[in-house]
Amino acid sequence: MDEKSCVDTLEAHKALSAVRNAGQKTVTQAKAMAYEDPEYVEAQDAKTAAYAYRKMLQALHNSAELRNTLLSRELTRRVGRGDREARAGRMNA
């Protein structure tokens, strides 16, 4: 599910519905008819699902990136501490 693809499909359905309902008395009525179109509703649902999926993946990615940063920092701290401890042990002997 590509969000961009879903948005494009939604816009295409919106344009087609606008053309089909061009004979309506007002623009508001034409838009209302477009929003009632089952294909438009389905495209809107697909767009919403693609957006939700992207946001979920983005949150998972950010969480993994933060854990990676924390792990890297912790490893750097522990590896760097070994030299200080060895040096302190030689000085105290």
Protein backbone atom coordinates (compact mmCIF):
# COMPACT_ATOMS: atom_id res chain seq x y z
CA MET A 1 0.00 0.00 0.00
CA ASP A 2 1.67 3.12 -1.20
CA GLU A 3 0.23 6.24 0.38
CA LYS A 4 1.03 8.38 -2.66
CA SER A 5 -0.76 5.91 -4.92
CA CYS A 6 -3.81 5.97 -2.66
CA VAL A 7 -3.87 9.76 -2.66
CA ASP A 8 -3.65 9.81 -6.46
CA THR A 9 -6.49 7.29 -6.74
CA LEU A 10 -8.58 9.34 -4.33
CA GLU A 11 -8.01 12.51 -6.36
CA ALA A 12 -8.94 10.68 -9.56
CA HIS A 13 -12.21 9.46 -8.01
CA LYS A 14 -12.90 12.96 -6.73
CA ALA A 15 -12.38 14.44 -10.21
CA LEU A 16 -14.54 11.79 -11.89
CA SER A 17 -17.30 12.32 -9.37
CA ALA A 18 -17.10 16.07 -9.89
CA VAL A 19 -17.57 15.57 -13.64
CA ARG A 20 -20.45 13.13 -13.12
CA ASN A 21 -22.18 15.53 -10.74
CA ALA A 22 -21.52 18.72 -12.70
CA GLY A 23 -25.23 19.11 -13.38
CA GLN A 24 -26.02 19.74 -9.71
CA LYS A 25 -27.41 23.10 -8.73
CA THR A 26 -24.53 24.08 -6.42
CA VAL A 27 -20.93 23.04 -5.92
CA THR A 28 -21.79 21.87 -2.42
CA GLN A 29 -24.37 19.46 -3.80
CA ALA A 30 -21.87 18.16 -6.36
CA LYS A 31 -19.29 17.58 -3.63
CA ALA A 32 -21.85 15.87 -1.43
CA MET A 33 -22.74 13.52 -4.27
CA ALA A 34 -19.05 12.81 -4.83
CA TYR A 35 -18.56 11.96 -1.15
CA GLU A 36 -21.44 9.49 -1.34
CA ASP A 37 -19.87 7.61 -4.26
CA PRO A 38 -18.88 4.09 -3.04
CA GLU A 39 -15.64 4.14 -5.07
CA TYR A 40 -14.68 7.45 -3.50
CA VAL A 41 -15.44 6.14 -0.01
CA GLU A 42 -13.34 3.02 -0.71
CA ALA A 43 -10.45 5.15 -1.99
CA GLN A 44 -10.70 7.37 1.10
CA ASP A 45 -10.56 4.29 3.35
CA ALA A 46 -7.51 2.98 1.45
CA LYS A 47 -5.79 6.35 1.85
CA THR A 48 -6.52 6.38 5.59
CA ALA A 49 -5.21 2.82 5.97
CA ALA A 50 -2.02 3.65 4.04
CA TYR A 51 -1.47 6.75 6.20
CA ALA A 52 -1.98 4.75 9.41
CA TYR A 53 0.42 2.05 8.19
CA ARG A 54 3.07 4.65 7.34
CA LYS A 55 2.72 6.32 10.73
CA MET A 56 3.00 2.95 12.50
CA LEU A 57 6.16 2.05 10.56
CA GLN A 58 7.57 5.49 11.23
CA ALA A 59 7.02 5.08 14.98
CA LEU A 60 8.65 1.63 14.93
CA HIS A 61 11.60 2.99 12.97
CA ASN A 62 12.07 5.93 15.33
CA SER A 63 11.89 3.61 18.33
CA ALA A 64 14.49 1.26 16.84
CA GLU A 65 16.72 4.20 15.99
CA LEU A 66 16.55 5.49 19.57
CA ARG A 67 17.38 2.03 20.94
CA ASN A 68 20.30 1.82 18.53
CA THR A 69 21.62 5.17 19.71
CA LEU A 70 21.27 4.16 23.35
CA LEU A 71 23.04 0.84 22.75
CA SER A 72 25.86 2.53 20.84
CA ARG A 73 26.33 5.09 23.61
CA GLU A 74 26.34 2.38 26.28
CA LEU A 75 28.87 0.24 24.38
CA THR A 76 31.12 3.23 23.82
CA ARG A 77 30.96 4.10 27.52
CA ARG A 78 31.76 0.55 28.64
CA VAL A 79 34.56 -0.03 26.12
CA GLY A 80 36.15 3.30 26.99
CA ARG A 81 36.01 2.47 30.70
CA GLY A 82 38.22 -0.61 30.30
CA ASP A 83 41.32 1.49 29.57
CA ARG A 84 40.78 3.66 32.65
CA GLU A 85 40.29 0.63 34.89
CA ALA A 86 43.43 -1.08 33.56
CA ARG A 87 45.44 2.12 34.05
CA ALA A 88 44.10 2.56 37.59
CA GLY A 89 44.97 -1.07 38.40
CA ARG A 90 48.60 -0.58 37.31
CA MET A 91 48.94 2.57 39.34
CA ASN A 92 47.62 0.96 42.53
CA ALA A 93 49.79 -2.17 42.31
